[in-house]
C-alpha atoms as a PDB file:
ATOM      1  CA  MET A   1     -16.205   6.389   3.036  1.00  0.00           C
ATOM      2  CA  ALA A   2     -13.179   4.322   4.005  1.00  0.00           C
ATOM      3  CA  GLU A   3     -12.694   2.981   7.508  1.00  0.00           C
ATOM      4  CA  ILE A   4     -10.245   5.070   9.547  1.00  0.00           C
ATOM      5  CA  ARG A   5      -7.815   2.978  11.546  1.00  0.00           C
ATOM      6  CA  PRO A   6      -4.236   3.413  12.751  1.00  0.00           C
ATOM      7  CA  ILE A   7      -1.415   1.589  10.988  1.00  0.00           C
ATOM      8  CA  LYS A   8      -0.070  -1.098  13.307  1.00  0.00           C
ATOM      9  CA  ARG A   9       2.216  -3.038  10.973  1.00  0.00           C
ATOM     10  CA  LEU A  10       3.262  -1.791   7.550  1.00  0.00           C
ATOM     11  CA  LEU A  11       4.670  -3.989   4.798  1.00  0.00           C
ATOM     12  CA  ILE A  12       6.724  -2.133   2.185  1.00  0.00           C
ATOM     13  CA  ALA A  13       6.262  -4.134  -1.011  1.00  0.00           C
ATOM     14  CA  ASN A  14       9.135  -2.539  -2.882  1.00  0.00           C
ATOM     15  CA  ARG A  15      12.903  -2.200  -2.740  1.00  0.00           C
ATOM     16  CA  GLY A  16      15.846   0.174  -3.120  1.00  0.00           C
ATOM     17  CA  GLU A  17      15.428   3.927  -2.875  1.00  0.00           C
ATOM     18  CA  ILE A  18      11.634   3.661  -2.953  1.00  0.00           C
ATOM     19  CA  ALA A  19      11.592   1.513   0.184  1.00  0.00           C
ATOM     20  CA  THR A  20      14.204   3.740   1.837  1.00  0.00           C
ATOM     21  CA  ARG A  21      12.063   6.851   1.351  1.00  0.00           C
ATOM     22  CA  ILE A  22       9.018   5.147   2.840  1.00  0.00           C
ATOM     23  CA  LEU A  23      11.101   3.954   5.800  1.00  0.00           C
ATOM     24  CA  SER A  24      12.255   7.516   6.447  1.00  0.00           C
ATOM     25  CA  THR A  25       8.646   8.585   7.003  1.00  0.00           C
ATOM     26  CA  THR A  26       7.652   5.535   9.033  1.00  0.00           C
ATOM     27  CA  ARG A  27      10.542   6.160  11.436  1.00  0.00           C
ATOM     28  CA  GLU A  28       9.232   9.677  12.063  1.00  0.00           C
ATOM     29  CA  LEU A  29       5.767   8.244  12.738  1.00  0.00           C
ATOM     30  CA  SER A  30       7.064   5.314  14.842  1.00  0.00           C
ATOM     31  CA  ILE A  31       5.286   2.748  12.652  1.00  0.00           C
ATOM     32  CA  PRO A  32       6.644  -0.835  12.824  1.00  0.00           C
ATOM     33  CA  THR A  33       7.755  -1.897   9.343  1.00  0.00           C
ATOM     34  CA  TYR A  34       8.388  -5.053   7.361  1.00  0.00           C
ATOM     35  CA  THR A  35      10.524  -4.967   4.231  1.00  0.00           C
ATOM     36  CA  LEU A  36      11.096  -7.605   1.562  1.00  0.00           C
ATOM     37  CA  HIS A  37      14.460  -8.707   0.255  1.00  0.00           C
ATOM     38  CA  THR A  38      16.336 -11.270  -1.792  1.00  0.00           C
ATOM     39  CA  PRO A  39      19.794 -12.548  -0.729  1.00  0.00           C
ATOM     40  CA  SER A  40      21.639 -10.167  -3.061  1.00  0.00           C
ATOM     41  CA  ASP A  41      19.444  -7.126  -2.397  1.00  0.00           C
ATOM     42  CA  THR A  42      19.269  -6.131   1.273  1.00  0.00           C
ATOM     43  CA  LEU A  43      20.544  -2.544   1.471  1.00  0.00           C
ATOM     44  CA  HIS A  44      17.053  -1.065   1.829  1.00  0.00           C
ATOM     45  CA  THR A  45      16.242  -3.301   4.820  1.00  0.00           C
ATOM     46  CA  HIS A  46      18.740  -1.799   7.277  1.00  0.00           C
ATOM     47  CA  HIS A  47      16.293   0.647   8.862  1.00  0.00           C
ATOM     48  CA  SER A  48      13.175  -1.530   8.910  1.00  0.00           C
ATOM     49  CA  THR A  49      11.865  -3.206  12.047  1.00  0.00           C
ATOM     50  CA  HIS A  50      11.722  -6.605  10.346  1.00  0.00           C
ATOM     51  CA  SER A  51      12.682  -7.976   6.945  1.00  0.00           C
ATOM     52  CA  ILE A  52      11.253 -10.969   5.097  1.00  0.00           C
ATOM     53  CA  ALA A  53      13.277 -13.041   2.638  1.00  0.00           C
ATOM     54  CA  LEU A  54      11.703 -13.702  -0.756  1.00  0.00           C
ATOM     55  CA  PRO A  55      12.359 -16.837  -2.838  1.00  0.00           C
ATOM     56  CA  SER A  56      13.223 -14.786  -5.935  1.00  0.00           C
ATOM     57  CA  PRO A  57      12.982 -11.236  -7.350  1.00  0.00           C
ATOM     58  CA  SER A  58       9.768 -12.228  -9.162  1.00  0.00           C
ATOM     59  CA  SER A  59       8.111 -12.702  -5.763  1.00  0.00           C
ATOM     60  CA  TYR A  60       7.753  -8.916  -5.477  1.00  0.00           C
ATOM     61  CA  LEU A  61       4.988  -9.320  -8.083  1.00  0.00           C
ATOM     62  CA  ASP A  62       3.443 -12.515  -6.687  1.00  0.00           C
ATOM     63  CA  ILE A  63       0.153 -11.314  -5.192  1.00  0.00           C
ATOM     64  CA  SER A  64      -0.769 -14.691  -3.686  1.00  0.00           C
ATOM     65  CA  HIS A  65       2.609 -14.977  -1.961  1.00  0.00           C
ATOM     66  CA  LEU A  66       2.334 -11.447  -0.572  1.00  0.00           C
ATOM     67  CA  ILE A  67      -1.144 -12.218   0.776  1.00  0.00           C
ATOM     68  CA  THR A  68       0.287 -15.276   2.547  1.00  0.00           C
ATOM     69  CA  LEU A  69       2.991 -13.111   4.147  1.00  0.00           C
ATOM     70  CA  VAL A  70       0.491 -10.454   5.206  1.00  0.00           C
ATOM     71  CA  LYS A  71      -1.650 -13.065   6.957  1.00  0.00           C
ATOM     72  CA  HIS A  72       1.320 -14.817   8.567  1.00  0.00           C
ATOM     73  CA  TYR A  73       2.792 -11.627  10.052  1.00  0.00           C
ATOM     74  CA  ALA A  74      -0.586 -10.019  10.907  1.00  0.00           C
ATOM     75  CA  ILE A  75       0.178  -7.002   8.716  1.00  0.00           C
ATOM     76  CA  ASP A  76      -2.709  -4.550   8.412  1.00  0.00           C
ATOM     77  CA  THR A  77      -1.343  -2.086   5.818  1.00  0.00           C
ATOM     78  CA  ILE A  78       0.856  -2.402   2.746  1.00  0.00           C
ATOM     79  CA  HIS A  79       2.680   0.310   0.806  1.00  0.00           C
ATOM     80  CA  PRO A  80       3.548  -0.718  -2.780  1.00  0.00           C
ATOM     81  CA  GLY A  81       5.616   2.407  -3.502  1.00  0.00           C
ATOM     82  CA  TYR A  82       5.551   3.041  -7.238  1.00  0.00           C
ATOM     83  CA  GLY A  83       6.035   0.623 -10.099  1.00  0.00           C
ATOM     84  CA  PHE A  84       5.690  -3.064  -9.226  1.00  0.00           C
ATOM     85  CA  LEU A  85       2.091  -3.642  -8.022  1.00  0.00           C
ATOM     86  CA  SER A  86       1.193  -0.031  -7.238  1.00  0.00           C
ATOM     87  CA  GLU A  87      -1.046   0.245 -10.329  1.00  0.00           C
ATOM     88  CA  SER A  88      -2.661  -3.185 -10.011  1.00  0.00           C
ATOM     89  CA  ALA A  89      -6.389  -3.140  -9.260  1.00  0.00           C
ATOM     90  CA  GLU A  90      -6.245  -6.893  -8.624  1.00  0.00           C
ATOM     91  CA  PHE A  91      -3.553  -6.405  -5.974  1.00  0.00           C
ATOM     92  CA  SER A  92      -5.514  -3.691  -4.176  1.00  0.00           C
ATOM     93  CA  GLN A  93      -8.778  -5.649  -4.296  1.00  0.00           C
ATOM     94  CA  ARG A  94      -7.355  -9.003  -3.202  1.00  0.00           C
ATOM     95  CA  MET A  95      -5.370  -7.513  -0.334  1.00  0.00           C
ATOM     96  CA  LEU A  96      -8.549  -5.990   1.035  1.00  0.00           C
ATOM     97  CA  THR A  97     -10.934  -8.900   0.476  1.00  0.00           C
ATOM     98  CA  GLU A  98      -8.599 -11.840   1.168  1.00  0.00           C
ATOM     99  CA  ALA A  99      -6.334 -10.406   3.869  1.00  0.00           C
ATOM    100  CA  ASN A 100      -8.261  -7.399   5.260  1.00  0.00           C
ATOM    101  CA  CYS A 101      -5.136  -5.397   4.495  1.00  0.00           C
ATOM    102  CA  HIS A 102      -5.339  -1.801   3.311  1.00  0.00           C
ATOM    103  CA  VAL A 103      -3.143  -0.703   0.413  1.00  0.00           C
ATOM    104  CA  ILE A 104      -1.782   2.833   0.612  1.00  0.00           C
ATOM    105  CA  GLY A 105      -2.724   4.422  -2.697  1.00  0.00           C
ATOM    106  CA  PRO A 106      -5.725   4.547  -5.022  1.00  0.00           C
ATOM    107  CA  GLY A 107      -8.436   1.960  -4.463  1.00  0.00           C
ATOM    108  CA  PRO A 108      -9.257  -0.841  -6.922  1.00  0.00           C
ATOM    109  CA  ALA A 109     -12.136   1.049  -8.557  1.00  0.00           C
ATOM    110  CA  ILE A 110      -9.890   4.002  -9.408  1.00  0.00           C
ATOM    111  CA  LEU A 111      -7.040   1.762 -10.551  1.00  0.00           C
ATOM    112  CA  SER A 112      -9.397  -0.173 -12.832  1.00  0.00           C
ATOM    113  CA  ARG A 113     -10.368   3.014 -14.650  1.00  0.00           C
ATOM    114  CA  THR A 114      -7.014   4.766 -14.775  1.00  0.00           C
ATOM    115  CA  GLY A 115      -4.931   1.658 -15.521  1.00  0.00           C
ATOM    116  CA  ASP A 116      -6.775   1.140 -18.807  1.00  0.00           C
ATOM    117  CA  LYS A 117      -5.943   3.966 -21.220  1.00  0.00           C
ATOM    118  CA  LEU A 118      -9.325   3.911 -22.959  1.00  0.00           C
ATOM    119  CA  GLN A 119     -11.204   4.020 -19.659  1.00  0.00           C
ATOM    120  CA  ALA A 120      -8.903   6.815 -18.499  1.00  0.00           C
ATOM    121  CA  ARG A 121      -9.746   8.782 -21.661  1.00  0.00           C
ATOM    122  CA  ALA A 122     -13.455   8.266 -21.043  1.00  0.00           C
ATOM    123  CA  LEU A 123     -13.041   9.495 -17.465  1.00  0.00           C
ATOM    124  CA  ALA A 124     -11.189  12.587 -18.687  1.00  0.00           C
ATOM    125  CA  GLN A 125     -14.006  13.347 -21.118  1.00  0.00           C
ATOM    126  CA  GLU A 126     -16.587  12.933 -18.347  1.00  0.00           C
ATOM    127  CA  CYS A 127     -14.632  15.583 -16.418  1.00  0.00           C
ATOM    128  CA  ASN A 128     -14.550  17.908 -19.465  1.00  0.00           C
ATOM    129  CA  VAL A 129     -10.798  17.500 -19.940  1.00  0.00           C
ATOM    130  CA  PRO A 130      -9.791  18.046 -23.603  1.00  0.00           C
ATOM    131  CA  VAL A 131      -8.457  14.929 -25.340  1.00  0.00           C
ATOM    132  CA  LEU A 132      -7.008  14.257 -28.781  1.00  0.00           C
ATOM    133  CA  PRO A 133      -8.961  12.296 -31.434  1.00  0.00           C
ATOM    134  CA  ALA A 134      -8.591   8.561 -30.844  1.00  0.00           C
ATOM    135  CA  LEU A 135      -9.657   5.134 -32.005  1.00  0.00           C
ATOM    136  CA  GLN A 136     -12.648   4.448 -29.794  1.00  0.00           C
ATOM    137  CA  ASN A 137     -12.423   0.663 -29.480  1.00  0.00           C
ATOM    138  CA  PRO A 138      -9.384  -1.480 -28.619  1.00  0.00           C
ATOM    139  CA  THR A 139      -8.067  -3.625 -31.448  1.00  0.00           C
ATOM    140  CA  SER A 140      -5.287  -5.942 -32.516  1.00  0.00           C
ATOM    141  CA  SER A 141      -5.772  -5.221 -36.215  1.00  0.00           C
ATOM    142  CA  PRO A 142      -3.355  -2.989 -38.159  1.00  0.00           C
ATOM    143  CA  SER A 143      -6.138  -2.266 -40.657  1.00  0.00           C
ATOM    144  CA  ASP A 144      -8.274  -0.649 -37.934  1.00  0.00           C
ATOM    145  CA  VAL A 145      -5.367   1.602 -37.020  1.00  0.00           C
ATOM    146  CA  GLU A 146      -4.700   2.410 -40.678  1.00  0.00           C
ATOM    147  CA  THR A 147      -8.330   3.434 -41.201  1.00  0.00           C
ATOM    148  CA  PHE A 148      -8.071   5.745 -38.198  1.00  0.00           C
ATOM    149  CA  ALA A 149      -4.786   7.232 -39.459  1.00  0.00           C
ATOM    150  CA  GLN A 150      -6.324   7.978 -42.850  1.00  0.00           C
ATOM    151  CA  LYS A 151      -9.156   9.778 -41.084  1.00  0.00           C
ATOM    152  CA  VAL A 152      -7.107  12.021 -38.752  1.00  0.00           C
ATOM    153  CA  GLY A 153      -3.805  12.139 -40.647  1.00  0.00           C
ATOM    154  CA  TYR A 154      -0.269  11.258 -39.594  1.00  0.00           C
ATOM    155  CA  PRO A 155       1.516  11.307 -37.217  1.00  0.00           C
ATOM    156  CA  ILE A 156      -0.410   9.083 -34.842  1.00  0.00           C
ATOM    157  CA  VAL A 157       0.643   7.287 -31.688  1.00  0.00           C
ATOM    158  CA  VAL A 158      -0.126   3.607 -31.129  1.00  0.00           C
ATOM    159  CA  LYS A 159      -0.505   2.574 -27.481  1.00  0.00           C
ATOM    160  CA  ALA A 160      -0.992  -0.678 -25.622  1.00  0.00           C
ATOM    161  CA  VAL A 161      -4.318  -0.396 -23.792  1.00  0.00           C
ATOM    162  CA  ASP A 162      -2.741  -1.724 -20.602  1.00  0.00           C
ATOM    163  CA  GLY A 163       0.866  -0.673 -21.083  1.00  0.00           C
ATOM    164  CA  GLY A 164       2.726   1.342 -18.479  1.00  0.00           C
ATOM    165  CA  GLY A 165       6.087   2.904 -17.785  1.00  0.00           C
ATOM    166  CA  GLY A 166       6.527   3.905 -21.421  1.00  0.00           C
ATOM    167  CA  ARG A 167       5.909   0.375 -22.709  1.00  0.00           C
ATOM    168  CA  GLY A 168       3.768  -0.314 -25.751  1.00  0.00           C
ATOM    169  CA  ILE A 169       3.980   3.198 -27.236  1.00  0.00           C
ATOM    170  CA  ARG A 170       5.033   3.847 -30.828  1.00  0.00           C
ATOM    171  CA  ILE A 171       4.802   7.065 -32.855  1.00  0.00           C
ATOM    172  CA  VAL A 172       3.921   6.429 -36.495  1.00  0.00           C
ATOM    173  CA  TYR A 173       4.877   9.188 -38.938  1.00  0.00           C
ATOM    174  CA  GLN A 174       3.835   7.480 -42.179  1.00  0.00           C
ATOM    175  CA  SER A 175       1.887   4.465 -43.403  1.00  0.00           C
ATOM    176  CA  SER A 176       5.011   2.414 -44.179  1.00  0.00           C
ATOM    177  CA  GLU A 177       5.842   2.341 -40.439  1.00  0.00           C
ATOM    178  CA  LEU A 178       2.387   1.345 -39.252  1.00  0.00           C
ATOM    179  CA  GLU A 179       2.408  -2.457 -39.435  1.00  0.00           C
ATOM    180  CA  ARG A 180       5.724  -2.824 -37.605  1.00  0.00           C
ATOM    181  CA  SER A 181       4.743  -0.273 -34.950  1.00  0.00           C
ATOM    182  CA  VAL A 182       1.453  -2.052 -34.289  1.00  0.00           C
ATOM    183  CA  SER A 183       3.249  -5.399 -34.018  1.00  0.00           C
ATOM    184  CA  LEU A 184       5.740  -4.042 -31.465  1.00  0.00           C
ATOM    185  CA  ALA A 185       3.022  -2.368 -29.390  1.00  0.00           C
ATOM    186  CA  LEU A 186       0.970  -5.584 -29.323  1.00  0.00           C
ATOM    187  CA  LYS A 187       3.960  -7.535 -28.004  1.00  0.00           C
ATOM    188  CA  GLU A 188       4.182  -5.130 -25.054  1.00  0.00           C
ATOM    189  CA  SER A 189       0.469  -5.289 -24.235  1.00  0.00           C
ATOM    190  CA  PRO A 190      -0.540  -7.972 -21.679  1.00  0.00           C
ATOM    191  CA  SER A 191      -4.026  -8.069 -23.207  1.00  0.00           C
ATOM    192  CA  THR A 192      -2.658  -7.891 -26.796  1.00  0.00           C
ATOM    193  CA  LEU A 193      -4.939  -4.925 -27.407  1.00  0.00           C
ATOM    194  CA  ILE A 194      -3.985  -1.462 -28.607  1.00  0.00           C
ATOM    195  CA  PHE A 195      -5.594   1.803 -29.570  1.00  0.00           C
ATOM    196  CA  ALA A 196      -4.368   4.860 -31.438  1.00  0.00           C
ATOM    197  CA  GLU A 197      -4.708   8.602 -31.147  1.00  0.00           C
ATOM    198  CA  LYS A 198      -3.528  11.680 -32.968  1.00  0.00           C
ATOM    199  CA  ALA A 199       0.059  12.349 -31.887  1.00  0.00           C
ATOM    200  CA  ALA A 200       1.005  15.541 -30.057  1.00  0.00           C
ATOM    201  CA  ILE A 201       4.492  16.111 -31.446  1.00  0.00           C
ATOM    202  CA  SER A 202       5.583  19.716 -30.969  1.00  0.00           C
ATOM    203  CA  GLY A 203       4.436  22.703 -28.954  1.00  0.00           C
ATOM    204  CA  TYR A 204       3.144  20.549 -26.104  1.00  0.00           C
ATOM    205  CA  ARG A 205       4.286  20.117 -22.511  1.00  0.00           C
ATOM    206  CA  HIS A 206       3.880  17.177 -20.141  1.00  0.00           C
ATOM    207  CA  ILE A 207       2.380  18.722 -17.004  1.00  0.00           C
ATOM    208  CA  GLU A 208       1.164  16.676 -14.044  1.00  0.00           C
ATOM    209  CA  VAL A 209      -0.867  17.644 -11.001  1.00  0.00           C
ATOM    210  CA  GLN A 210      -0.414  15.384  -7.992  1.00  0.00           C
ATOM    211  CA  ILE A 211      -3.612  14.535  -6.089  1.00  0.00           C
ATOM    212  CA  ILE A 212      -3.705  13.176  -2.538  1.00  0.00           C
ATOM    213  CA  GLY A 213      -6.693  11.920  -0.547  1.00  0.00           C
ATOM    214  CA  ASP A 214      -7.057  10.213   2.824  1.00  0.00           C
ATOM    215  CA  GLY A 215     -10.012   7.974   1.987  1.00  0.00           C
ATOM    216  CA  THR A 216     -12.459  10.042   4.039  1.00  0.00           C
ATOM    217  CA  GLY A 217     -13.372  12.494   1.284  1.00  0.00           C
ATOM    218  CA  ALA A 218     -10.587  14.976   2.030  1.00  0.00           C
ATOM    219  CA  VAL A 219      -8.732  15.555  -1.254  1.00  0.00           C
ATOM    220  CA  ARG A 220      -6.013  18.090  -2.057  1.00  0.00           C
ATOM    221  CA  HIS A 221      -3.778  18.850  -5.003  1.00  0.00           C
ATOM    222  CA  LEU A 222      -0.029  19.334  -4.620  1.00  0.00           C
ATOM    223  CA  TRP A 223       0.333  21.874  -7.435  1.00  0.00           C
ATOM    224  CA  GLU A 224       1.896  21.065 -10.768  1.00  0.00           C
ATOM    225  CA  ARG A 225       5.188  19.658 -11.970  1.00  0.00           C
ATOM    226  CA  GLU A 226       6.645  19.425 -15.456  1.00  0.00           C
ATOM    227  CA  CYS A 227       7.868  16.140 -16.911  1.00  0.00           C
ATOM    228  CA  SER A 228       8.476  17.144 -20.531  1.00  0.00           C
ATOM    229  CA  ILE A 229      12.105  15.958 -20.601  1.00  0.00           C
ATOM    230  CA  GLN A 230      11.768  12.270 -21.455  1.00  0.00           C
ATOM    231  CA  ARG A 231      13.646   9.389 -23.024  1.00  0.00           C
ATOM    232  CA  ARG A 232      11.693   6.540 -24.598  1.00  0.00           C
ATOM    233  CA  PHE A 233       8.505   7.935 -23.050  1.00  0.00           C
ATOM    234  CA  GLN A 234      10.030   7.723 -19.575  1.00  0.00           C
ATOM    235  CA  LYS A 235      10.430  10.883 -17.508  1.00  0.00           C
ATOM    236  CA  VAL A 236      14.083  11.812 -16.987  1.00  0.00           C
ATOM    237  CA  VAL A 237      13.786  15.161 -15.189  1.00  0.00           C
ATOM    238  CA  GLU A 238      10.865  16.555 -13.207  1.00  0.00           C
ATOM    239  CA  PHE A 239      10.703  20.091 -11.867  1.00  0.00           C
ATOM    240  CA  ALA A 240       8.195  22.414 -10.244  1.00  0.00           C
ATOM    241  CA  PRO A 241       6.657  24.774 -10.935  1.00  0.00           C
ATOM    242  CA  SER A 242       6.406  24.149 -14.675  1.00  0.00           C
ATOM    243  CA  SER A 243       8.165  26.365 -17.194  1.00  0.00           C
ATOM    244  CA  LEU A 244       4.922  27.664 -18.697  1.00  0.00           C
ATOM    245  CA  ALA A 245       4.965  31.442 -18.589  1.00  0.00           C
ATOM    246  CA  ASN A 246       1.171  31.780 -18.623  1.00  0.00           C
ATOM    247  CA  ARG A 247       0.313  31.225 -14.955  1.00  0.00           C
ATOM    248  CA  ARG A 248      -3.343  32.022 -15.635  1.00  0.00           C
ATOM    249  CA  LEU A 249      -3.588  28.709 -17.492  1.00  0.00           C
ATOM    250  CA  GLN A 250      -2.530  26.784 -14.376  1.00  0.00           C
ATOM    251  CA  GLU A 251      -4.975  28.716 -12.215  1.00  0.00           C
ATOM    252  CA  GLU A 252      -7.852  27.934 -14.587  1.00  0.00           C
ATOM    253  CA  HIS A 253      -7.151  24.201 -14.559  1.00  0.00           C
END
């Protein structure tokens, strides 16, 4: 069970609208805040208690530099928002072990499993969540993917094991497209590893259920939202509740 302690100084490791939304809540809770900015990007800092200048935009992703700032300003909690480092298990782990700073969000153990698509699939199967047929081991070989496609039939979807935000995903409708699709997915995979699964093309919806926990064992869901309207595998519109007419299905799951 996580240690319960009040937030004394909060660093918002993000920018723009994301930082502004977090600041709105911290003002209501009277939490002192630190934001990050570059010389040409300061709009989100206007309502923070303090703001720290970064050497360059890439510094938002520099874990070692952020740890140095956390130690220097005696910051005890950091909110990564979404995107940037919010899905980094290394970031969460190092902040805790090197700076004794808590990261608001999932812990490193959860991020390690859910940030890797194959581990996330395995976790879903452990929880009896239905999954589509997939290549079981990561690969960088087009021939492995082709063998899988011949087994399950086209279309298939090729995914970077550690891609995110719609990166490293290619739908392959026929064998002539496979080699190029694999090559593009590999270029967008930090580990240069991919896997493949049977593609869900039509008749499917993208439904998410938001889960929130406080680190003490108290966990709640925030009902469902639909994210089926997408462009390049990025959600464009989200709405709740979902448009599924069969409400019994939501209640069962």
